[in-house]
Amino acid sequence: QVQLVEAGGGWVQPGGSLRLSCLASGRPSSYAMGWFCPPPGTERAFVASARWSWGKGYPYADSVKGRFTISRDNAKNTLYLQMNSLKPEDTAVYYCAAEMDYPSRSNAYYSDYSHWGSWGQGTQVTVSS
């Protein structure tokens, strides 16, 4: 497993931007990494993932397409989430996750939070006026 530490959350007005980061220890280069957030009263919902080596691309939840951008810097062992055009409904604790990346596993597999084994402590994002 890898250890994950998120940063970059905070308060922002609607329409604003935030950039989350997730520093990974261990050997994260062979891992898929992703972001999840739990809507109130529900399990952790998929936001986006970065599967570095298998040409799987960067899947996004429909609700954030065109507004959020996930990226990773393997040299710095860091995953990022650039959040633009933020809406009040984006308010949540955002969790970074990591899991071994196998080419045989589909992007749908990695959109299920229960398939991820390593989690950070979460960072709060609040969008309000």
N, C-alpha and C. Protein backbone atom coordinates (compact mmCIF):
# COMPACT_ATOMS: atom_id res chain seq x y z
N GLN A 1 0.82 -1.18 0.00
CA GLN A 1 0.00 0.00 0.00
C GLN A 1 0.87 1.25 0.00
N VAL A 2 0.23 2.35 -0.39
CA VAL A 2 0.91 3.64 -0.34
C VAL A 2 0.20 4.51 0.69
N GLN A 3 0.92 5.49 1.20
CA GLN A 3 0.35 6.46 2.12
C GLN A 3 0.07 7.74 1.33
N LEU A 4 -1.07 8.33 1.61
CA LEU A 4 -1.54 9.48 0.83
C LEU A 4 -1.88 10.64 1.75
N VAL A 5 -1.46 11.84 1.36
CA VAL A 5 -1.77 13.05 2.13
C VAL A 5 -2.28 14.11 1.18
N GLU A 6 -3.54 14.54 1.40
CA GLU A 6 -4.14 15.56 0.55
C GLU A 6 -3.89 16.96 1.11
N ALA A 7 -3.96 17.93 0.23
CA ALA A 7 -3.86 19.33 0.61
C ALA A 7 -4.57 20.17 -0.45
N GLY A 8 -4.85 21.42 -0.09
CA GLY A 8 -5.37 22.36 -1.07
C GLY A 8 -6.84 22.67 -0.95
N GLY A 9 -7.54 22.02 -0.03
CA GLY A 9 -8.95 22.34 0.13
C GLY A 9 -9.14 23.71 0.77
N GLY A 10 -10.39 24.15 0.83
CA GLY A 10 -10.68 25.44 1.44
C GLY A 10 -12.04 25.93 1.02
N TRP A 11 -12.25 27.22 1.25
CA TRP A 11 -13.52 27.86 0.89
C TRP A 11 -13.32 28.70 -0.35
N VAL A 12 -14.31 28.65 -1.23
CA VAL A 12 -14.26 29.44 -2.45
C VAL A 12 -15.69 29.81 -2.85
N GLN A 13 -15.83 30.94 -3.48
CA GLN A 13 -17.15 31.36 -3.95
C GLN A 13 -17.53 30.59 -5.22
N PRO A 14 -18.83 30.49 -5.49
CA PRO A 14 -19.25 29.83 -6.74
C PRO A 14 -18.57 30.46 -7.95
N GLY A 15 -18.13 29.62 -8.86
CA GLY A 15 -17.40 30.08 -10.03
C GLY A 15 -15.90 30.13 -9.85
N GLY A 16 -15.46 29.96 -8.61
CA GLY A 16 -14.03 30.02 -8.32
C GLY A 16 -13.31 28.72 -8.62
N SER A 17 -12.03 28.70 -8.26
CA SER A 17 -11.17 27.55 -8.54
C SER A 17 -10.38 27.15 -7.31
N LEU A 18 -10.06 25.88 -7.25
CA LEU A 18 -9.16 25.33 -6.25
C LEU A 18 -8.31 24.25 -6.92
N ARG A 19 -7.12 24.03 -6.37
CA ARG A 19 -6.27 22.94 -6.84
C ARG A 19 -5.92 22.05 -5.66
N LEU A 20 -6.37 20.82 -5.73
CA LEU A 20 -6.05 19.84 -4.70
C LEU A 20 -4.79 19.08 -5.11
N SER A 21 -4.04 18.67 -4.11
CA SER A 21 -2.87 17.84 -4.36
C SER A 21 -2.88 16.65 -3.43
N CYS A 22 -2.22 15.60 -3.84
CA CYS A 22 -2.14 14.37 -3.05
C CYS A 22 -0.73 13.81 -3.19
N LEU A 23 0.01 13.87 -2.09
CA LEU A 23 1.37 13.37 -2.08
C LEU A 23 1.35 11.91 -1.65
N ALA A 24 1.99 11.06 -2.46
CA ALA A 24 2.01 9.63 -2.19
C ALA A 24 3.40 9.16 -1.79
N SER A 25 3.46 8.31 -0.80
CA SER A 25 4.72 7.69 -0.42
C SER A 25 4.69 6.24 -0.89
N GLY A 26 5.78 5.54 -0.73
CA GLY A 26 5.84 4.19 -1.21
C GLY A 26 6.26 4.15 -2.66
N ARG A 27 5.60 3.32 -3.48
CA ARG A 27 5.91 3.19 -4.90
C ARG A 27 4.65 3.41 -5.73
N PRO A 28 4.19 4.66 -5.80
CA PRO A 28 2.90 4.91 -6.44
C PRO A 28 2.91 4.84 -7.95
N SER A 29 4.07 4.75 -8.58
CA SER A 29 4.10 4.84 -10.05
C SER A 29 3.38 3.69 -10.72
N SER A 30 3.25 2.57 -10.03
CA SER A 30 2.54 1.43 -10.62
C SER A 30 1.08 1.36 -10.18
N TYR A 31 0.63 2.43 -9.55
CA TYR A 31 -0.73 2.48 -9.03
C TYR A 31 -1.59 3.40 -9.89
N ALA A 32 -2.86 3.04 -9.99
CA ALA A 32 -3.85 4.00 -10.41
C ALA A 32 -4.11 4.93 -9.24
N MET A 33 -4.38 6.18 -9.51
CA MET A 33 -4.72 7.13 -8.45
C MET A 33 -5.98 7.87 -8.85
N GLY A 34 -6.74 8.26 -7.86
CA GLY A 34 -8.01 8.90 -8.18
C GLY A 34 -8.52 9.77 -7.06
N TRP A 35 -9.60 10.48 -7.34
CA TRP A 35 -10.27 11.34 -6.37
C TRP A 35 -11.71 10.89 -6.22
N PHE A 36 -12.17 10.90 -4.97
CA PHE A 36 -13.54 10.55 -4.65
C PHE A 36 -14.09 11.57 -3.67
N CYS A 37 -15.43 11.75 -3.69
CA CYS A 37 -16.05 12.56 -2.66
C CYS A 37 -17.40 11.97 -2.32
N PRO A 38 -17.82 11.98 -1.07
CA PRO A 38 -19.10 11.40 -0.69
C PRO A 38 -20.19 12.46 -0.59
N PRO A 39 -21.18 12.44 -1.44
CA PRO A 39 -22.34 13.28 -1.21
C PRO A 39 -22.96 12.92 0.14
N PRO A 40 -23.62 13.84 0.78
CA PRO A 40 -24.15 13.56 2.11
C PRO A 40 -24.99 12.29 2.15
N GLY A 41 -24.71 11.45 3.12
CA GLY A 41 -25.51 10.26 3.32
C GLY A 41 -25.24 9.14 2.33
N THR A 42 -24.20 9.28 1.51
CA THR A 42 -23.94 8.23 0.53
C THR A 42 -22.50 7.76 0.66
N GLU A 43 -22.19 6.74 -0.08
CA GLU A 43 -20.82 6.25 -0.13
C GLU A 43 -19.98 7.16 -1.01
N ARG A 44 -18.70 6.89 -1.03
CA ARG A 44 -17.79 7.77 -1.76
C ARG A 44 -18.05 7.69 -3.25
N ALA A 45 -18.26 8.84 -3.84
CA ALA A 45 -18.57 8.91 -5.26
C ALA A 45 -17.31 9.20 -6.06
N PHE A 46 -17.20 8.56 -7.19
CA PHE A 46 -16.05 8.73 -8.07
C PHE A 46 -16.03 10.13 -8.65
N VAL A 47 -14.85 10.72 -8.69
CA VAL A 47 -14.67 12.03 -9.32
C VAL A 47 -13.83 11.88 -10.58
N ALA A 48 -12.63 11.34 -10.43
CA ALA A 48 -11.73 11.20 -11.58
C ALA A 48 -10.61 10.25 -11.20
N SER A 49 -9.97 9.65 -12.21
CA SER A 49 -8.83 8.78 -11.95
C SER A 49 -7.77 8.98 -13.02
N ALA A 50 -6.56 8.59 -12.68
CA ALA A 50 -5.42 8.69 -13.60
C ALA A 50 -4.72 7.34 -13.62
N ARG A 51 -4.81 6.66 -14.74
CA ARG A 51 -4.17 5.36 -14.90
C ARG A 51 -2.98 5.57 -15.81
N TRP A 52 -1.80 5.54 -15.20
CA TRP A 52 -0.65 6.15 -15.84
C TRP A 52 -0.11 5.38 -17.02
N SER A 53 -0.17 4.09 -17.02
CA SER A 53 0.65 3.36 -17.97
C SER A 53 -0.11 2.50 -18.97
N TRP A 54 -1.41 2.44 -18.88
CA TRP A 54 -2.10 1.47 -19.73
C TRP A 54 -2.96 2.11 -20.81
N GLY A 55 -2.73 3.40 -21.05
CA GLY A 55 -3.49 4.06 -22.10
C GLY A 55 -4.97 4.13 -21.82
N LYS A 56 -5.32 4.08 -20.55
CA LYS A 56 -6.73 4.09 -20.18
C LYS A 56 -7.29 5.50 -20.06
N GLY A 57 -6.42 6.48 -20.16
CA GLY A 57 -6.92 7.84 -20.13
C GLY A 57 -7.22 8.31 -18.72
N TYR A 58 -8.02 9.36 -18.65
CA TYR A 58 -8.34 10.01 -17.39
C TYR A 58 -9.85 10.12 -17.28
N PRO A 59 -10.52 9.07 -16.82
CA PRO A 59 -11.98 9.10 -16.72
C PRO A 59 -12.46 10.13 -15.69
N TYR A 60 -13.59 10.73 -15.98
CA TYR A 60 -14.20 11.70 -15.09
C TYR A 60 -15.67 11.35 -14.87
N ALA A 61 -16.17 11.71 -13.70
CA ALA A 61 -17.61 11.65 -13.47
C ALA A 61 -18.28 12.69 -14.36
N ASP A 62 -19.49 12.39 -14.83
CA ASP A 62 -20.19 13.32 -15.73
C ASP A 62 -20.37 14.69 -15.11
N SER A 63 -20.55 14.72 -13.80
CA SER A 63 -20.85 15.99 -13.12
C SER A 63 -19.67 16.96 -13.12
N VAL A 64 -18.46 16.47 -13.40
CA VAL A 64 -17.29 17.35 -13.34
C VAL A 64 -16.59 17.50 -14.68
N LYS A 65 -17.06 16.80 -15.70
CA LYS A 65 -16.43 16.90 -17.01
C LYS A 65 -16.45 18.34 -17.51
N GLY A 66 -15.32 18.79 -18.02
CA GLY A 66 -15.20 20.14 -18.53
C GLY A 66 -14.88 21.17 -17.46
N ARG A 67 -14.96 20.78 -16.19
CA ARG A 67 -14.67 21.72 -15.10
C ARG A 67 -13.44 21.28 -14.29
N PHE A 68 -13.28 19.99 -14.09
CA PHE A 68 -12.17 19.46 -13.31
C PHE A 68 -11.15 18.80 -14.23
N THR A 69 -9.88 18.90 -13.84
CA THR A 69 -8.81 18.25 -14.58
C THR A 69 -7.91 17.51 -13.60
N ILE A 70 -7.75 16.22 -13.83
CA ILE A 70 -6.86 15.41 -13.01
C ILE A 70 -5.52 15.28 -13.71
N SER A 71 -4.45 15.31 -12.95
CA SER A 71 -3.13 15.11 -13.53
C SER A 71 -2.23 14.50 -12.46
N ARG A 72 -1.13 13.93 -12.89
CA ARG A 72 -0.19 13.35 -11.93
C ARG A 72 1.23 13.62 -12.39
N ASP A 73 2.09 13.84 -11.42
CA ASP A 73 3.51 14.03 -11.66
C ASP A 73 4.22 12.89 -10.97
N ASN A 74 4.58 11.86 -11.74
CA ASN A 74 5.20 10.69 -11.13
C ASN A 74 6.56 11.01 -10.52
N ALA A 75 7.25 11.98 -11.06
CA ALA A 75 8.56 12.36 -10.51
C ALA A 75 8.41 12.93 -9.11
N LYS A 76 7.27 13.57 -8.85
CA LYS A 76 7.02 14.16 -7.53
C LYS A 76 6.08 13.30 -6.69
N ASN A 77 5.67 12.15 -7.23
CA ASN A 77 4.72 11.28 -6.53
C ASN A 77 3.47 12.04 -6.10
N THR A 78 2.98 12.88 -6.97
CA THR A 78 1.87 13.75 -6.60
C THR A 78 0.76 13.70 -7.65
N LEU A 79 -0.45 13.61 -7.14
CA LEU A 79 -1.66 13.67 -7.95
C LEU A 79 -2.33 15.01 -7.71
N TYR A 80 -2.89 15.59 -8.76
CA TYR A 80 -3.55 16.89 -8.64
C TYR A 80 -4.99 16.81 -9.14
N LEU A 81 -5.80 17.73 -8.65
CA LEU A 81 -7.15 17.91 -9.17
C LEU A 81 -7.39 19.41 -9.29
N GLN A 82 -7.37 19.92 -10.50
CA GLN A 82 -7.68 21.32 -10.75
C GLN A 82 -9.19 21.45 -10.88
N MET A 83 -9.79 22.24 -10.01
CA MET A 83 -11.23 22.37 -9.94
C MET A 83 -11.61 23.79 -10.35
N ASN A 84 -12.26 23.94 -11.49
CA ASN A 84 -12.69 25.24 -11.99
C ASN A 84 -14.21 25.32 -12.02
N SER A 85 -14.72 26.54 -12.13
CA SER A 85 -16.17 26.76 -12.22
C SER A 85 -16.90 26.00 -11.12
N LEU A 86 -16.40 26.15 -9.90
CA LEU A 86 -16.96 25.38 -8.78
C LEU A 86 -18.39 25.80 -8.48
N LYS A 87 -19.17 24.82 -8.08
CA LYS A 87 -20.59 25.01 -7.75
C LYS A 87 -20.82 24.63 -6.29
N PRO A 88 -21.86 25.18 -5.67
CA PRO A 88 -22.15 24.79 -4.28
C PRO A 88 -22.30 23.28 -4.11
N GLU A 89 -22.81 22.60 -5.10
CA GLU A 89 -22.99 21.15 -4.99
C GLU A 89 -21.67 20.38 -5.05
N ASP A 90 -20.56 21.07 -5.34
CA ASP A 90 -19.25 20.43 -5.28
C ASP A 90 -18.72 20.37 -3.85
N THR A 91 -19.40 21.03 -2.92
CA THR A 91 -18.97 21.02 -1.53
C THR A 91 -18.95 19.60 -0.98
N ALA A 92 -17.80 19.20 -0.47
CA ALA A 92 -17.62 17.84 0.06
C ALA A 92 -16.21 17.71 0.60
N VAL A 93 -15.96 16.61 1.27
CA VAL A 93 -14.59 16.19 1.59
C VAL A 93 -14.09 15.37 0.40
N TYR A 94 -12.96 15.76 -0.15
CA TYR A 94 -12.39 15.07 -1.29
C TYR A 94 -11.26 14.16 -0.82
N TYR A 95 -11.35 12.89 -1.22
CA TYR A 95 -10.39 11.89 -0.81
C TYR A 95 -9.54 11.44 -2.00
N CYS A 96 -8.26 11.33 -1.77
CA CYS A 96 -7.34 10.75 -2.74
C CYS A 96 -7.26 9.25 -2.47
N ALA A 97 -7.15 8.47 -3.54
CA ALA A 97 -7.08 7.02 -3.40
C ALA A 97 -6.05 6.44 -4.35
N ALA A 98 -5.53 5.28 -3.99
CA ALA A 98 -4.56 4.59 -4.83
C ALA A 98 -4.84 3.09 -4.81
N GLU A 99 -4.58 2.47 -5.93
CA GLU A 99 -4.78 1.03 -6.04
C GLU A 99 -3.90 0.52 -7.17
N MET A 100 -3.39 -0.69 -7.02
CA MET A 100 -2.56 -1.28 -8.07
C MET A 100 -3.32 -1.23 -9.41
N ASP A 101 -2.60 -0.84 -10.44
CA ASP A 101 -3.21 -0.67 -11.76
C ASP A 101 -2.90 -1.87 -12.64
N TYR A 102 -3.92 -2.59 -13.06
CA TYR A 102 -3.76 -3.73 -13.96
C TYR A 102 -4.46 -3.42 -15.28
N PRO A 103 -3.80 -3.69 -16.40
CA PRO A 103 -4.39 -3.35 -17.70
C PRO A 103 -5.68 -4.10 -17.98
N SER A 104 -5.85 -5.26 -17.34
CA SER A 104 -7.06 -6.05 -17.60
C SER A 104 -8.30 -5.46 -16.94
N ARG A 105 -8.09 -4.55 -16.01
CA ARG A 105 -9.22 -3.96 -15.29
C ARG A 105 -9.72 -2.71 -16.04
N SER A 106 -11.01 -2.61 -16.13
CA SER A 106 -11.61 -1.52 -16.90
C SER A 106 -11.68 -0.24 -16.08
N ASN A 107 -11.95 0.87 -16.75
CA ASN A 107 -12.15 2.13 -16.04
C ASN A 107 -13.38 2.04 -15.13
N ALA A 108 -14.39 1.28 -15.55
CA ALA A 108 -15.57 1.10 -14.71
C ALA A 108 -15.21 0.43 -13.39
N TYR A 109 -14.28 -0.50 -13.44
CA TYR A 109 -13.81 -1.16 -12.21
C TYR A 109 -13.25 -0.12 -11.25
N TYR A 110 -12.45 0.79 -11.77
CA TYR A 110 -11.80 1.78 -10.91
C TYR A 110 -12.72 2.94 -10.54
N SER A 111 -13.92 2.99 -11.07
CA SER A 111 -14.87 4.02 -10.65
C SER A 111 -15.63 3.60 -9.40
N ASP A 112 -15.44 2.37 -8.96
CA ASP A 112 -16.09 1.84 -7.76
C ASP A 112 -15.15 2.03 -6.58
N TYR A 113 -15.56 2.83 -5.61
CA TYR A 113 -14.66 3.16 -4.49
C TYR A 113 -14.23 1.92 -3.72
N SER A 114 -15.04 0.87 -3.73
CA SER A 114 -14.73 -0.32 -2.93
C SER A 114 -13.55 -1.10 -3.50
N HIS A 115 -13.11 -0.76 -4.70
CA HIS A 115 -11.98 -1.46 -5.32
C HIS A 115 -10.65 -0.77 -5.03
N TRP A 116 -10.68 0.29 -4.24
CA TRP A 116 -9.46 1.03 -3.95
C TRP A 116 -9.01 0.72 -2.53
N GLY A 117 -7.72 0.46 -2.35
CA GLY A 117 -7.24 0.00 -1.06
C GLY A 117 -6.57 1.03 -0.18
N SER A 118 -6.03 2.10 -0.77
CA SER A 118 -5.31 3.11 0.01
C SER A 118 -6.04 4.43 -0.10
N TRP A 119 -6.21 5.09 1.05
CA TRP A 119 -6.96 6.35 1.11
C TRP A 119 -6.22 7.38 1.93
N GLY A 120 -6.37 8.64 1.53
CA GLY A 120 -5.88 9.74 2.34
C GLY A 120 -6.91 10.13 3.38
N GLN A 121 -6.58 11.17 4.14
CA GLN A 121 -7.46 11.59 5.23
C GLN A 121 -8.57 12.51 4.75
N GLY A 122 -8.46 13.02 3.54
CA GLY A 122 -9.49 13.89 2.97
C GLY A 122 -9.17 15.36 3.19
N THR A 123 -9.67 16.18 2.28
CA THR A 123 -9.53 17.63 2.40
C THR A 123 -10.88 18.26 2.06
N GLN A 124 -11.31 19.20 2.91
CA GLN A 124 -12.64 19.80 2.77
C GLN A 124 -12.63 20.88 1.69
N VAL A 125 -13.62 20.80 0.81
CA VAL A 125 -13.85 21.85 -0.19
C VAL A 125 -15.25 22.41 0.07
N THR A 126 -15.32 23.72 0.28
CA THR A 126 -16.59 24.38 0.54
C THR A 126 -16.81 25.47 -0.51
N VAL A 127 -17.92 25.40 -1.20
CA VAL A 127 -18.25 26.38 -2.24
C VAL A 127 -19.54 27.09 -1.82
N SER A 128 -19.42 28.34 -1.46
CA SER A 128 -20.60 29.09 -1.03
C SER A 128 -20.33 30.57 -1.19
N SER A 129 -21.40 31.33 -1.23
CA SER A 129 -21.26 32.78 -1.31
C SER A 129 -21.46 33.42 0.06
